[in-house]
PDB file of N, CA and C in Angstrom:
ATOM      1  N   MET A   1    -383.900-133.305  35.138  1.00  0.00           N
ATOM      2  CA  MET A   1    -383.560-132.797  36.360  1.00  0.00           C
ATOM      3  C   MET A   1    -382.140-132.947  36.648  1.00  0.00           C
ATOM      4  N   SER A   2    -381.386-132.249  37.118  1.00  0.00           N
ATOM      5  CA  SER A   2    -379.898-132.427  37.538  1.00  0.00           C
ATOM      6  C   SER A   2    -379.765-133.142  38.611  1.00  0.00           C
ATOM      7  N   LYS A   3    -378.794-134.214  38.721  1.00  0.00           N
ATOM      8  CA  LYS A   3    -378.487-135.012  39.975  1.00  0.00           C
ATOM      9  C   LYS A   3    -377.524-134.374  40.793  1.00  0.00           C
ATOM     10  N   GLU A   4    -377.489-134.419  42.080  1.00  0.00           N
ATOM     11  CA  GLU A   4    -376.464-133.846  42.929  1.00  0.00           C
ATOM     12  C   GLU A   4    -375.267-134.838  42.957  1.00  0.00           C
ATOM     13  N   LEU A   5    -374.015-134.488  42.793  1.00  0.00           N
ATOM     14  CA  LEU A   5    -372.898-135.483  42.998  1.00  0.00           C
ATOM     15  C   LEU A   5    -372.830-135.766  44.521  1.00  0.00           C
ATOM     16  N   PRO A   6    -372.258-136.979  44.711  1.00  0.00           N
ATOM     17  CA  PRO A   6    -372.171-137.378  46.018  1.00  0.00           C
ATOM     18  C   PRO A   6    -370.946-136.468  46.453  1.00  0.00           C
ATOM     19  N   ARG A   7    -371.133-135.983  47.757  1.00  0.00           N
ATOM     20  CA  ARG A   7    -370.117-135.325  48.425  1.00  0.00           C
ATOM     21  C   ARG A   7    -368.915-136.013  48.993  1.00  0.00           C
ATOM     22  N   PRO A   8    -367.696-135.832  48.919  1.00  0.00           N
ATOM     23  CA  PRO A   8    -366.656-136.585  49.254  1.00  0.00           C
ATOM     24  C   PRO A   8    -366.787-136.786  50.829  1.00  0.00           C
ATOM     25  N   LYS A   9    -366.303-137.931  51.322  1.00  0.00           N
ATOM     26  CA  LYS A   9    -366.148-138.308  52.669  1.00  0.00           C
ATOM     27  C   LYS A   9    -365.444-137.367  53.501  1.00  0.00           C
ATOM     28  N   ASN A  10    -365.763-136.994  54.685  1.00  0.00           N
ATOM     29  CA  ASN A  10    -364.748-136.027  55.602  1.00  0.00           C
ATOM     30  C   ASN A  10    -363.303-136.543  55.390  1.00  0.00           C
ATOM     31  N   GLY A  11    -362.976-137.905  55.461  1.00  0.00           N
ATOM     32  CA  GLY A  11    -361.694-138.316  55.586  1.00  0.00           C
ATOM     33  C   GLY A  11    -360.777-137.859  54.225  1.00  0.00           C
ATOM     34  N   ARG A  12    -361.496-137.713  53.318  1.00  0.00           N
ATOM     35  CA  ARG A  12    -360.972-137.489  51.846  1.00  0.00           C
ATOM     36  C   ARG A  12    -360.360-135.928  51.746  1.00  0.00           C
ATOM     37  N   ARG A  13    -361.077-135.151  52.547  1.00  0.00           N
ATOM     38  CA  ARG A  13    -360.538-133.607  52.395  1.00  0.00           C
ATOM     39  C   ARG A  13    -359.356-133.451  53.106  1.00  0.00           C
ATOM     40  N   TRP A  14    -359.001-134.416  53.994  1.00  0.00           N
ATOM     41  CA  TRP A  14    -357.584-134.088  54.521  1.00  0.00           C
ATOM     42  C   TRP A  14    -356.411-133.997  53.613  1.00  0.00           C
ATOM     43  N   TRP A  15    -356.622-134.814  52.572  1.00  0.00           N
ATOM     44  CA  TRP A  15    -355.370-135.031  51.624  1.00  0.00           C
ATOM     45  C   TRP A  15    -355.284-133.791  50.814  1.00  0.00           C
ATOM     46  N   TYR A  16    -356.203-132.855  50.739  1.00  0.00           N
ATOM     47  CA  TYR A  16    -356.055-131.552  49.865  1.00  0.00           C
ATOM     48  C   TYR A  16    -355.013-130.678  50.703  1.00  0.00           C
ATOM     49  N   LEU A  17    -354.850-130.903  52.335  1.00  0.00           N
ATOM     50  CA  LEU A  17    -353.869-130.127  52.783  1.00  0.00           C
ATOM     51  C   LEU A  17    -352.502-130.261  52.477  1.00  0.00           C
ATOM     52  N   LEU A  18    -352.270-131.446  51.973  1.00  0.00           N
ATOM     53  CA  LEU A  18    -350.905-131.771  51.078  1.00  0.00           C
ATOM     54  C   LEU A  18    -350.304-130.727  50.082  1.00  0.00           C
ATOM     55  N   LEU A  19    -351.389-130.050  49.528  1.00  0.00           N
ATOM     56  CA  LEU A  19    -351.128-129.256  48.372  1.00  0.00           C
ATOM     57  C   LEU A  19    -350.711-127.841  48.986  1.00  0.00           C
ATOM     58  N   ILE A  20    -350.706-127.612  50.211  1.00  0.00           N
ATOM     59  CA  ILE A  20    -350.224-126.513  50.939  1.00  0.00           C
ATOM     60  C   ILE A  20    -348.460-126.808  51.025  1.00  0.00           C
ATOM     61  N   ILE A  21    -348.049-127.697  51.035  1.00  0.00           N
ATOM     62  CA  ILE A  21    -346.641-128.053  51.097  1.00  0.00           C
ATOM     63  C   ILE A  21    -345.694-127.321  50.061  1.00  0.00           C
ATOM     64  N   PRO A  22    -346.056-127.401  48.714  1.00  0.00           N
ATOM     65  CA  PRO A  22    -345.442-126.605  47.564  1.00  0.00           C
ATOM     66  C   PRO A  22    -345.473-124.936  47.776  1.00  0.00           C
ATOM     67  N   PHE A  23    -346.513-124.560  48.358  1.00  0.00           N
ATOM     68  CA  PHE A  23    -346.603-123.224  48.440  1.00  0.00           C
ATOM     69  C   PHE A  23    -345.857-122.731  49.899  1.00  0.00           C
ATOM     70  N   LEU A  24    -345.859-123.525  50.733  1.00  0.00           N
ATOM     71  CA  LEU A  24    -344.915-122.903  51.757  1.00  0.00           C
ATOM     72  C   LEU A  24    -343.361-123.364  51.474  1.00  0.00           C
ATOM     73  N   GLY A  25    -343.081-124.144  50.529  1.00  0.00           N
ATOM     74  CA  GLY A  25    -341.551-124.496  50.132  1.00  0.00           C
ATOM     75  C   GLY A  25    -341.266-123.292  49.336  1.00  0.00           C
ATOM     76  N   THR A  26    -342.079-122.380  48.711  1.00  0.00           N
ATOM     77  CA  THR A  26    -341.466-121.563  47.811  1.00  0.00           C
ATOM     78  C   THR A  26    -342.065-120.071  48.127  1.00  0.00           C
ATOM     79  N   LEU A  27    -342.606-120.062  49.398  1.00  0.00           N
ATOM     80  CA  LEU A  27    -343.072-118.984  49.968  1.00  0.00           C
ATOM     81  C   LEU A  27    -342.150-117.698  50.294  1.00  0.00           C
ATOM     82  N   PHE A  28    -340.920-117.878  50.698  1.00  0.00           N
ATOM     83  CA  PHE A  28    -339.956-116.970  51.227  1.00  0.00           C
ATOM     84  C   PHE A  28    -338.790-117.064  50.274  1.00  0.00           C
ATOM     85  N   PRO A  29    -338.530-116.381  49.235  1.00  0.00           N
ATOM     86  CA  PRO A  29    -337.449-116.577  48.309  1.00  0.00           C
ATOM     87  C   PRO A  29    -336.173-116.261  48.939  1.00  0.00           C
ATOM     88  N   GLN A  30    -336.213-115.380  50.088  1.00  0.00           N
ATOM     89  CA  GLN A  30    -334.858-115.130  50.710  1.00  0.00           C
ATOM     90  C   GLN A  30    -334.284-116.409  51.449  1.00  0.00           C
ATOM     91  N   LEU A  31    -335.242-117.537  51.596  1.00  0.00           N
ATOM     92  CA  LEU A  31    -334.478-118.671  52.232  1.00  0.00           C
ATOM     93  C   LEU A  31    -333.658-119.426  50.977  1.00  0.00           C
ATOM     94  N   TYR A  32    -334.075-119.418  49.670  1.00  0.00           N
ATOM     95  CA  TYR A  32    -333.542-120.092  48.849  1.00  0.00           C
ATOM     96  C   TYR A  32    -332.618-119.295  47.714  1.00  0.00           C
ATOM     97  N   ASN A  33    -332.559-117.920  47.966  1.00  0.00           N
ATOM     98  CA  ASN A  33    -331.756-117.071  47.126  1.00  0.00           C
ATOM     99  C   ASN A  33    -330.287-117.246  47.268  1.00  0.00           C
ATOM    100  N   ALA A  34    -329.711-118.245  46.732  1.00  0.00           N
ATOM    101  CA  ALA A  34    -328.331-118.479  46.610  1.00  0.00           C
ATOM    102  C   ALA A  34    -327.853-118.974  45.348  1.00  0.00           C
ATOM    103  N   MET A  35    -326.622-118.730  45.076  1.00  0.00           N
ATOM    104  CA  MET A  35    -326.094-119.363  43.568  1.00  0.00           C
ATOM    105  C   MET A  35    -325.562-120.696  44.059  1.00  0.00           C
ATOM    106  N   THR A  36    -325.036-120.975  44.958  1.00  0.00           N
ATOM    107  CA  THR A  36    -324.521-122.451  45.278  1.00  0.00           C
ATOM    108  C   THR A  36    -325.504-123.208  46.113  1.00  0.00           C
ATOM    109  N   PRO A  37    -325.455-124.548  46.136  1.00  0.00           N
ATOM    110  CA  PRO A  37    -324.882-125.236  45.104  1.00  0.00           C
ATOM    111  C   PRO A  37    -325.523-125.331  43.924  1.00  0.00           C
ATOM    112  N   THR A  38    -324.727-125.580  42.940  1.00  0.00           N
ATOM    113  CA  THR A  38    -325.271-125.666  41.617  1.00  0.00           C
ATOM    114  C   THR A  38    -325.348-127.123  40.984  1.00  0.00           C
ATOM    115  N   ILE A  39    -326.209-127.378  40.117  1.00  0.00           N
ATOM    116  CA  ILE A  39    -326.235-128.758  39.563  1.00  0.00           C
ATOM    117  C   ILE A  39    -326.334-128.388  38.055  1.00  0.00           C
ATOM    118  N   GLY A  40    -325.140-129.056  37.494  1.00  0.00           N
ATOM    119  CA  GLY A  40    -324.888-128.663  35.978  1.00  0.00           C
ATOM    120  C   GLY A  40    -324.841-127.227  35.590  1.00  0.00           C
ATOM    121  N   GLY A  41    -324.181-126.649  36.491  1.00  0.00           N
ATOM    122  CA  GLY A  41    -324.204-125.172  36.243  1.00  0.00           C
ATOM    123  C   GLY A  41    -325.459-124.429  36.329  1.00  0.00           C
ATOM    124  N   VAL A  42    -326.419-124.927  36.755  1.00  0.00           N
ATOM    125  CA  VAL A  42    -327.659-124.390  37.077  1.00  0.00           C
ATOM    126  C   VAL A  42    -327.625-123.829  38.828  1.00  0.00           C
ATOM    127  N   PRO A  43    -327.802-122.474  38.921  1.00  0.00           N
ATOM    128  CA  PRO A  43    -327.731-122.146  40.406  1.00  0.00           C
ATOM    129  C   PRO A  43    -328.883-122.578  41.171  1.00  0.00           C
ATOM    130  N   PHE A  44    -328.542-122.687  42.455  1.00  0.00           N
ATOM    131  CA  PHE A  44    -329.585-123.383  43.472  1.00  0.00           C
ATOM    132  C   PHE A  44    -331.096-122.471  43.516  1.00  0.00           C
ATOM    133  N   PHE A  45    -330.968-121.314  43.175  1.00  0.00           N
ATOM    134  CA  PHE A  45    -332.388-120.471  42.998  1.00  0.00           C
ATOM    135  C   PHE A  45    -333.248-121.063  41.991  1.00  0.00           C
ATOM    136  N   TYR A  46    -332.473-121.417  40.933  1.00  0.00           N
ATOM    137  CA  TYR A  46    -333.467-121.883  39.791  1.00  0.00           C
ATOM    138  C   TYR A  46    -333.876-123.360  39.781  1.00  0.00           C
ATOM    139  N   TRP A  47    -332.888-124.149  40.206  1.00  0.00           N
ATOM    140  CA  TRP A  47    -333.303-125.726  40.333  1.00  0.00           C
ATOM    141  C   TRP A  47    -334.089-125.945  41.568  1.00  0.00           C
ATOM    142  N   TYR A  48    -334.036-125.153  42.494  1.00  0.00           N
ATOM    143  CA  TYR A  48    -334.971-125.347  43.823  1.00  0.00           C
ATOM    144  C   TYR A  48    -336.288-125.253  43.247  1.00  0.00           C
ATOM    145  N   GLN A  49    -336.674-124.059  42.472  1.00  0.00           N
ATOM    146  CA  GLN A  49    -338.002-123.692  41.984  1.00  0.00           C
ATOM    147  C   GLN A  49    -338.448-124.966  41.063  1.00  0.00           C
ATOM    148  N   LEU A  50    -337.513-125.329  40.063  1.00  0.00           N
ATOM    149  CA  LEU A  50    -337.949-126.087  39.151  1.00  0.00           C
ATOM    150  C   LEU A  50    -338.350-127.791  39.817  1.00  0.00           C
ATOM    151  N   LEU A  51    -337.446-127.868  41.018  1.00  0.00           N
ATOM    152  CA  LEU A  51    -337.673-129.104  41.741  1.00  0.00           C
ATOM    153  C   LEU A  51    -339.147-128.989  42.384  1.00  0.00           C
ATOM    154  N   TRP A  52    -339.479-127.819  42.809  1.00  0.00           N
ATOM    155  CA  TRP A  52    -340.912-127.781  43.211  1.00  0.00           C
ATOM    156  C   TRP A  52    -342.009-127.845  42.409  1.00  0.00           C
ATOM    157  N   VAL A  53    -341.694-127.524  40.972  1.00  0.00           N
ATOM    158  CA  VAL A  53    -342.752-127.671  40.066  1.00  0.00           C
ATOM    159  C   VAL A  53    -342.920-129.321  39.752  1.00  0.00           C
ATOM    160  N   ILE A  54    -341.908-130.013  39.785  1.00  0.00           N
ATOM    161  CA  ILE A  54    -341.786-131.398  39.694  1.00  0.00           C
ATOM    162  C   ILE A  54    -342.679-131.993  40.822  1.00  0.00           C
ATOM    163  N   ILE A  55    -342.196-131.667  42.136  1.00  0.00           N
ATOM    164  CA  ILE A  55    -342.964-132.213  43.361  1.00  0.00           C
ATOM    165  C   ILE A  55    -344.444-131.843  43.363  1.00  0.00           C
ATOM    166  N   THR A  56    -344.751-130.508  42.949  1.00  0.00           N
ATOM    167  CA  THR A  56    -346.122-130.099  43.006  1.00  0.00           C
ATOM    168  C   THR A  56    -346.973-130.877  41.910  1.00  0.00           C
ATOM    169  N   GLY A  57    -346.349-131.208  40.781  1.00  0.00           N
ATOM    170  CA  GLY A  57    -346.934-132.210  39.940  1.00  0.00           C
ATOM    171  C   GLY A  57    -347.339-133.330  40.536  1.00  0.00           C
ATOM    172  N   LEU A  58    -346.390-133.982  40.957  1.00  0.00           N
ATOM    173  CA  LEU A  58    -346.466-135.270  41.592  1.00  0.00           C
ATOM    174  C   LEU A  58    -347.250-135.491  42.645  1.00  0.00           C
ATOM    175  N   LEU A  59    -347.408-134.429  43.507  1.00  0.00           N
ATOM    176  CA  LEU A  59    -348.243-134.229  44.641  1.00  0.00           C
ATOM    177  C   LEU A  59    -349.583-134.293  44.333  1.00  0.00           C
ATOM    178  N   THR A  60    -349.879-133.392  43.171  1.00  0.00           N
ATOM    179  CA  THR A  60    -351.207-133.288  42.628  1.00  0.00           C
ATOM    180  C   THR A  60    -351.839-134.615  42.212  1.00  0.00           C
ATOM    181  N   ILE A  61    -351.006-135.328  41.582  1.00  0.00           N
ATOM    182  CA  ILE A  61    -351.456-136.466  41.059  1.00  0.00           C
ATOM    183  C   ILE A  61    -351.772-137.409  42.164  1.00  0.00           C
ATOM    184  N   PHE A  62    -351.031-137.263  43.193  1.00  0.00           N
ATOM    185  CA  PHE A  62    -351.231-138.422  44.224  1.00  0.00           C
ATOM    186  C   PHE A  62    -352.611-137.894  44.988  1.00  0.00           C
ATOM    187  N   VAL A  63    -352.738-136.694  45.135  1.00  0.00           N
ATOM    188  CA  VAL A  63    -353.976-136.187  45.862  1.00  0.00           C
ATOM    189  C   VAL A  63    -355.244-136.514  44.950  1.00  0.00           C
ATOM    190  N   TYR A  64    -355.038-136.448  43.837  1.00  0.00           N
ATOM    191  CA  TYR A  64    -356.267-136.638  42.771  1.00  0.00           C
ATOM    192  C   TYR A  64    -356.705-138.083  43.043  1.00  0.00           C
ATOM    193  N   TYR A  65    -355.724-138.974  42.883  1.00  0.00           N
ATOM    194  CA  TYR A  65    -356.064-140.503  43.049  1.00  0.00           C
ATOM    195  C   TYR A  65    -356.575-140.840  44.562  1.00  0.00           C
ATOM    196  N   VAL A  66    -355.971-140.293  45.391  1.00  0.00           N
ATOM    197  CA  VAL A  66    -356.169-140.751  46.787  1.00  0.00           C
ATOM    198  C   VAL A  66    -357.658-140.249  47.362  1.00  0.00           C
ATOM    199  N   SER A  67    -358.040-138.892  46.569  1.00  0.00           N
ATOM    200  CA  SER A  67    -359.444-138.427  46.941  1.00  0.00           C
ATOM    201  C   SER A  67    -360.563-138.807  46.118  1.00  0.00           C
ATOM    202  N   ARG A  68    -360.222-139.568  45.084  1.00  0.00           N
ATOM    203  CA  ARG A  68    -361.349-140.048  44.304  1.00  0.00           C
ATOM    204  C   ARG A  68    -362.392-140.944  44.877  1.00  0.00           C
TER     205      ARG A  68
END
């Protein structure tokens, strides 16, 4: 027989809402479609998105450990 896994407590589910932040940060490219400022010659449009990749990874790790 298979055992049911325990369901997370209601308080733990709120942490998943943090995963919406990266989505909202990149939702409208019109807001960050710019050449300046540059970092190391990389236009803002590209480094802004790369920054969100890093933030999303860190946020995912945080939510994983908090919701365990």
